[in-house]
Amino acid sequence: MFLVVSFPIILFIVINKFGYNTIDLGVLTIPKLPAGPRYLMSSIWGDSFFVRIFEDAKNVLTVIIDGKDLDGNFISSVTQKGGVHPLYWLSLPLFCLGFPAFIYECAKEGRKSLKIPVIIWLFAAMTTAIISTPAAVHRINVVWFPLLVFSAYGLYIVYKFYKSFAIVLIVFYLIFFFRFENLYYNEYKEDISRAFFAGYVDAVKYAGEKSLPMDTLYLTDHLNSPYIHVLFALKYDVHDYIKTVKIPNPGASFEFVEYFGKIKFGVTEEDLQKGRIFVLRNHEFNNYNNGYSIKYFDDFKVLISLPHR
């Protein structure tokens, strides 16, 4: 059954690894991607896999225990912003207690035990995490769920034998949860919104509504793959996009769109002189604020030139 379910995924990998054509079966399509696969994100395709595997495993364990990315990036974890998540150290002893107990109980229950899928999940998730490089919180998301199950099982064992101590641990969990919630919905929210381009879609929608048929929209390229957001925000005709798009690096893992239709990405001073409407990040071209009407959308602003300019 597993081979039947996983066969389309295996076929998808083979097609894109060796460059075979798309398979179209009508009800099922196995596509060849237009861009190169992101093999740089997995060590299994590299020549040094067996050399790096132990280093990668150590990095994954470091991320799990510390609860933050090795590169110091804060987008995946509040820990980098001063938060303390109980999973990373309070739950570690509980995991060490719960995991072997969980396996022992599973062995006693036999092949029909409902605990088996959770154990398989952990080993499959750890394998996936180790071959994903570099290790980061958001690349090993599937690991957290079985870890939570085993930690909860450890807490259950403590509750069984030391009820008072278990209640103390639960109180600590509640304290850390409220600390996490306060940080997440306040200070962390402000920082993370910039990393995920808050306001860009609304800014593009507003610029689209204010533009005239002869206008070229000049949009900042100070974000990842802005054309995706623009296609969504403007409900742009995909046929016109395919016909008019200019991609200077076709086939790359991350293709860069220079323009399509009357939409141009990347704003220069020359564009500001000849254009009428722009979407910029708040820190861009502040010396050009005079002579424009400006509307702000979180970390972005829409500049529309005034008639007298």
Protein backbone atom coordinates (compact mmCIF):
# COMPACT_ATOMS: atom_id res chain seq x y z
CA MET A 1 0.00 0.00 0.00
CA PHE A 2 2.83 2.41 0.87
CA LEU A 3 4.47 1.85 -2.53
CA VAL A 4 1.17 2.47 -4.33
CA VAL A 5 0.55 5.74 -2.47
CA SER A 6 4.15 6.96 -2.79
CA PHE A 7 4.66 5.88 -6.43
CA PRO A 8 3.51 9.22 -7.99
CA ILE A 9 5.95 11.11 -5.70
CA ILE A 10 8.81 8.74 -6.62
CA LEU A 11 7.95 9.17 -10.30
CA PHE A 12 7.89 12.95 -9.86
CA ILE A 13 11.41 12.87 -8.38
CA VAL A 14 12.71 10.62 -11.19
CA ILE A 15 11.22 12.85 -13.92
CA ASN A 16 12.78 16.01 -12.50
CA LYS A 17 16.08 14.42 -11.52
CA PHE A 18 16.79 12.93 -14.96
CA GLY A 19 14.94 15.46 -17.12
CA TYR A 20 12.18 13.23 -18.52
CA ASN A 21 9.03 14.76 -20.02
CA THR A 22 5.76 15.37 -18.17
CA ILE A 23 3.47 12.36 -17.94
CA ASP A 24 -0.17 13.32 -18.56
CA LEU A 25 -2.68 10.54 -17.84
CA GLY A 26 -5.74 12.79 -17.96
CA VAL A 27 -6.88 12.35 -14.36
CA LEU A 28 -3.27 12.37 -13.12
CA THR A 29 -0.32 14.48 -14.23
CA ILE A 30 3.30 13.98 -13.15
CA PRO A 31 4.88 17.30 -14.18
CA LYS A 32 8.40 18.24 -15.13
CA LEU A 33 9.08 21.53 -13.35
CA PRO A 34 10.11 24.49 -15.54
CA ALA A 35 12.85 25.44 -13.07
CA GLY A 36 15.66 23.31 -11.71
CA PRO A 37 14.89 21.24 -8.59
CA ARG A 38 16.23 22.69 -5.34
CA TYR A 39 18.70 19.89 -4.66
CA LEU A 40 20.91 22.36 -2.81
CA MET A 41 18.42 22.07 0.07
CA SER A 42 19.09 18.35 0.53
CA SER A 43 22.43 16.73 1.26
CA ILE A 44 21.35 13.37 -0.16
CA TRP A 45 22.08 14.53 -3.72
CA GLY A 46 25.58 15.79 -2.94
CA ASP A 47 28.89 13.96 -3.22
CA SER A 48 29.71 14.48 0.45
CA PHE A 49 26.51 12.97 1.90
CA PHE A 50 28.24 10.29 3.98
CA VAL A 51 30.83 12.79 5.17
CA ARG A 52 28.23 15.35 6.25
CA ILE A 53 25.55 13.09 7.68
CA PHE A 54 26.90 13.12 11.25
CA GLU A 55 27.42 16.89 11.19
CA ASP A 56 23.90 17.37 9.83
CA ALA A 57 22.47 15.08 12.54
CA LYS A 58 24.27 17.11 15.20
CA ASN A 59 22.88 20.34 13.73
CA VAL A 60 19.32 18.96 13.78
CA LEU A 61 19.65 17.98 17.45
CA THR A 62 21.05 21.45 18.21
CA VAL A 63 18.06 23.11 16.54
CA ILE A 64 15.63 20.85 18.44
CA ILE A 65 17.24 21.47 21.83
CA ASP A 66 17.96 25.20 21.40
CA GLY A 67 14.73 25.93 19.54
CA LYS A 68 16.32 28.35 17.08
CA ASP A 69 18.03 28.36 13.71
CA LEU A 70 21.79 28.00 13.58
CA ASP A 71 22.14 31.13 11.45
CA GLY A 72 20.37 33.28 14.05
CA ASN A 73 17.37 33.91 11.80
CA PHE A 74 14.33 34.83 13.90
CA ILE A 75 11.59 34.09 11.35
CA SER A 76 11.05 30.51 12.58
CA SER A 77 11.16 30.88 16.33
CA VAL A 78 10.37 33.40 19.06
CA THR A 79 13.36 32.01 20.98
CA GLN A 80 15.63 34.22 18.88
CA LYS A 81 13.67 37.24 20.15
CA GLY A 82 14.09 36.39 23.81
CA GLY A 83 11.21 33.97 24.16
CA VAL A 84 11.45 30.67 26.00
CA HIS A 85 9.55 27.77 24.51
CA PRO A 86 9.03 24.96 27.02
CA LEU A 87 9.54 22.22 24.41
CA TYR A 88 13.24 22.93 24.10
CA TRP A 89 14.35 22.31 27.68
CA LEU A 90 11.41 21.66 30.02
CA SER A 91 10.14 18.88 27.75
CA LEU A 92 13.52 17.30 27.08
CA PRO A 93 13.61 15.26 30.33
CA LEU A 94 9.96 14.33 29.77
CA PHE A 95 10.80 13.13 26.26
CA CYS A 96 13.70 11.05 27.60
CA LEU A 97 11.23 9.46 30.02
CA GLY A 98 8.29 9.12 27.68
CA PHE A 99 10.02 7.82 24.56
CA PRO A 100 11.43 4.55 25.95
CA ALA A 101 8.25 3.99 27.97
CA PHE A 102 6.19 4.53 24.82
CA ILE A 103 8.28 1.96 22.91
CA TYR A 104 8.06 -0.51 25.79
CA GLU A 105 4.27 -0.22 25.91
CA CYS A 106 4.12 -0.55 22.13
CA ALA A 107 6.17 -3.77 22.25
CA LYS A 108 3.81 -5.17 24.89
CA GLU A 109 0.75 -4.38 22.77
CA GLY A 110 2.20 -6.07 19.70
CA ARG A 111 1.75 -5.43 15.98
CA LYS A 112 -1.77 -4.04 16.37
CA SER A 113 -0.62 -1.23 18.66
CA LEU A 114 -1.84 2.22 17.69
CA LYS A 115 1.48 3.58 18.98
CA ILE A 116 3.42 2.18 16.02
CA PRO A 117 2.55 5.02 13.56
CA VAL A 118 3.83 7.65 16.02
CA ILE A 119 7.19 5.85 16.42
CA ILE A 120 7.52 5.45 12.64
CA TRP A 121 6.61 9.14 12.27
CA LEU A 122 9.49 10.18 14.54
CA PHE A 123 12.11 8.11 12.71
CA ALA A 124 10.83 9.19 9.27
CA ALA A 125 10.74 12.85 10.39
CA MET A 126 14.27 12.69 11.82
CA THR A 127 15.55 11.11 8.59
CA THR A 128 13.94 13.88 6.53
CA ALA A 129 15.31 16.53 8.90
CA ILE A 130 18.87 15.20 8.73
CA ILE A 131 18.99 15.26 4.92
CA SER A 132 17.49 18.78 4.80
CA THR A 133 20.29 21.30 4.85
CA PRO A 134 20.99 23.61 6.48
CA ALA A 135 19.01 22.56 9.54
CA ALA A 136 16.33 25.08 10.50
CA VAL A 137 13.16 25.09 12.59
CA HIS A 138 10.85 25.52 9.58
CA ARG A 139 12.53 22.71 7.61
CA ILE A 140 11.90 20.11 10.31
CA ASN A 141 8.28 20.93 11.19
CA VAL A 142 7.19 17.28 11.02
CA VAL A 143 9.57 16.45 13.90
CA TRP A 144 7.74 18.52 16.50
CA PHE A 145 4.51 16.52 16.58
CA PRO A 146 5.92 13.12 17.66
CA LEU A 147 8.24 14.95 20.08
CA LEU A 148 5.18 16.53 21.68
CA VAL A 149 3.46 13.15 21.91
CA PHE A 150 6.43 11.52 23.64
CA SER A 151 6.90 14.50 25.96
CA ALA A 152 3.21 14.38 26.87
CA TYR A 153 3.54 10.66 27.54
CA GLY A 154 6.46 11.42 29.86
CA LEU A 155 4.29 13.96 31.70
CA TYR A 156 1.56 11.33 31.97
CA ILE A 157 4.01 8.92 33.62
CA VAL A 158 5.11 11.61 36.08
CA TYR A 159 1.45 12.33 36.87
CA LYS A 160 0.84 8.64 37.47
CA PHE A 161 3.54 8.32 40.11
CA TYR A 162 4.21 11.90 41.33
CA LYS A 163 0.97 13.80 40.92
CA SER A 164 2.07 16.90 42.84
CA PHE A 165 5.27 17.29 40.80
CA ALA A 166 3.33 16.85 37.58
CA ILE A 167 0.98 19.68 38.60
CA VAL A 168 4.03 21.92 39.20
CA LEU A 169 5.26 21.10 35.67
CA ILE A 170 1.84 21.92 34.22
CA VAL A 171 1.91 25.29 35.99
CA PHE A 172 5.32 25.98 34.43
CA TYR A 173 3.92 25.07 31.01
CA LEU A 174 1.07 27.55 31.50
CA ILE A 175 3.49 30.31 32.53
CA PHE A 176 5.68 29.73 29.49
CA PHE A 177 2.64 29.53 27.24
CA PHE A 178 1.38 32.95 28.35
CA ARG A 179 4.91 34.34 27.92
CA PHE A 180 5.01 32.89 24.40
CA GLU A 181 1.56 34.25 23.54
CA ASN A 182 2.42 37.75 24.74
CA LEU A 183 5.68 37.82 22.79
CA TYR A 184 4.19 36.28 19.66
CA TYR A 185 1.25 38.67 19.34
CA ASN A 186 3.21 41.82 20.22
CA GLU A 187 6.94 42.35 19.76
CA TYR A 188 7.52 39.31 17.56
CA LYS A 189 4.52 40.15 15.38
CA GLU A 190 5.99 43.54 14.49
CA ASP A 191 9.32 42.04 13.40
CA ILE A 192 7.93 39.01 11.60
CA SER A 193 5.46 41.09 9.58
CA ARG A 194 8.35 42.80 7.80
CA ALA A 195 10.02 39.48 7.03
CA PHE A 196 6.82 38.24 5.38
CA PHE A 197 6.07 41.45 3.46
CA ALA A 198 2.97 42.55 5.36
CA GLY A 199 0.97 45.07 3.38
CA TYR A 200 2.44 44.30 -0.04
CA VAL A 201 -0.66 42.63 -1.50
CA ASP A 202 -2.91 45.46 -0.25
CA ALA A 203 -0.49 48.05 -1.63
CA VAL A 204 -0.47 46.39 -5.06
CA LYS A 205 -4.27 46.16 -5.08
CA TYR A 206 -4.54 49.86 -4.24
CA ALA A 207 -1.98 50.79 -6.93
CA GLY A 208 -3.87 48.68 -9.46
CA GLU A 209 -7.13 50.45 -8.63
CA LYS A 210 -5.51 53.90 -9.01
CA SER A 211 -3.64 53.14 -12.23
CA LEU A 212 -4.81 54.23 -15.67
CA PRO A 213 -4.76 51.98 -18.76
CA MET A 214 -1.64 53.73 -20.09
CA ASP A 215 0.25 53.56 -16.75
CA THR A 216 3.17 51.28 -16.06
CA LEU A 217 3.18 50.02 -12.48
CA TYR A 218 6.66 50.26 -10.96
CA LEU A 219 7.00 47.83 -8.05
CA THR A 220 9.81 47.27 -5.59
CA ASP A 221 11.83 44.10 -5.91
CA HIS A 222 12.96 44.23 -2.25
CA LEU A 223 11.09 41.02 -1.41
CA ASN A 224 11.13 37.40 -2.53
CA SER A 225 9.38 36.57 -5.82
CA PRO A 226 7.16 39.68 -5.91
CA TYR A 227 5.51 38.65 -9.18
CA ILE A 228 3.65 35.85 -7.34
CA HIS A 229 1.99 38.37 -5.02
CA VAL A 230 1.17 40.66 -7.93
CA LEU A 231 -0.51 37.92 -9.98
CA PHE A 232 -2.64 37.11 -6.93
CA ALA A 233 -3.42 40.70 -5.94
CA LEU A 234 -4.41 41.89 -9.43
CA LYS A 235 -6.00 38.61 -10.57
CA TYR A 236 -3.81 39.05 -13.63
CA ASP A 237 -4.60 37.17 -16.86
CA VAL A 238 -2.22 34.21 -16.81
CA HIS A 239 -2.20 33.98 -20.62
CA ASP A 240 -0.97 37.57 -20.91
CA TYR A 241 1.61 36.87 -18.21
CA ILE A 242 3.02 33.89 -20.13
CA LYS A 243 3.05 35.89 -23.38
CA THR A 244 4.75 39.03 -22.03
CA VAL A 245 6.94 37.91 -19.10
CA LYS A 246 10.68 38.61 -19.22
CA ILE A 247 12.80 36.20 -17.15
CA PRO A 248 16.53 36.92 -17.39
CA ASN A 249 17.54 33.64 -15.67
CA PRO A 250 15.16 30.95 -17.04
CA GLY A 251 15.56 27.50 -15.54
CA ALA A 252 17.14 28.70 -12.30
CA SER A 253 15.82 27.33 -8.99
CA PHE A 254 14.58 30.87 -8.25
CA GLU A 255 13.62 32.62 -11.46
CA PHE A 256 13.67 36.42 -11.45
CA VAL A 257 10.84 38.22 -13.24
CA GLU A 258 11.94 41.57 -14.67
CA TYR A 259 8.55 42.62 -16.04
CA PHE A 260 5.32 41.44 -17.62
CA GLY A 261 2.61 43.47 -19.35
CA LYS A 262 2.73 47.00 -17.92
CA ILE A 263 4.28 45.88 -14.63
CA LYS A 264 7.98 46.39 -13.92
CA PHE A 265 9.92 45.12 -10.90
CA GLY A 266 12.79 47.11 -9.44
CA VAL A 267 12.45 50.89 -9.20
CA THR A 268 15.26 53.24 -10.24
CA GLU A 269 15.58 57.02 -10.01
CA GLU A 270 15.01 57.17 -13.75
CA ASP A 271 11.70 55.32 -13.28
CA LEU A 272 10.65 57.85 -10.65
CA GLN A 273 11.20 60.63 -13.16
CA LYS A 274 9.07 59.09 -15.90
CA GLY A 275 6.50 57.00 -14.03
CA ARG A 276 3.31 57.97 -12.22
CA ILE A 277 2.58 55.23 -9.71
CA PHE A 278 4.94 53.16 -7.57
CA VAL A 279 4.88 50.55 -4.79
CA LEU A 280 7.96 50.80 -2.56
CA ARG A 281 9.15 49.63 0.82
CA ASN A 282 8.94 52.40 3.41
CA HIS A 283 12.71 52.90 3.52
CA GLU A 284 13.09 53.40 -0.25
CA PHE A 285 13.49 56.79 -1.91
CA ASN A 286 12.37 58.84 1.08
CA ASN A 287 13.91 61.90 -0.56
CA TYR A 288 11.26 61.61 -3.30
CA ASN A 289 8.26 61.86 -0.97
CA ASN A 290 7.59 65.48 -2.00
CA GLY A 291 5.48 65.78 -5.11
CA TYR A 292 3.58 62.54 -4.47
CA SER A 293 0.48 61.48 -2.65
CA ILE A 294 1.52 58.66 -0.34
CA LYS A 295 -0.54 55.89 1.20
CA TYR A 296 1.09 53.45 3.63
CA PHE A 297 0.37 49.73 3.98
CA ASP A 298 2.38 48.32 6.90
CA ASP A 299 5.95 48.11 5.55
CA PHE A 300 5.05 49.39 2.07
CA LYS A 301 3.88 52.65 0.55
CA VAL A 302 2.16 53.64 -2.70
CA LEU A 303 3.43 56.80 -4.37
CA ILE A 304 1.25 58.55 -6.94
CA SER A 305 2.70 61.61 -8.62
CA LEU A 306 0.72 64.82 -8.17
CA PRO A 307 -0.52 66.57 -11.32
CA HIS A 308 1.70 69.66 -10.85
CA ARG A 309 4.95 67.70 -10.57
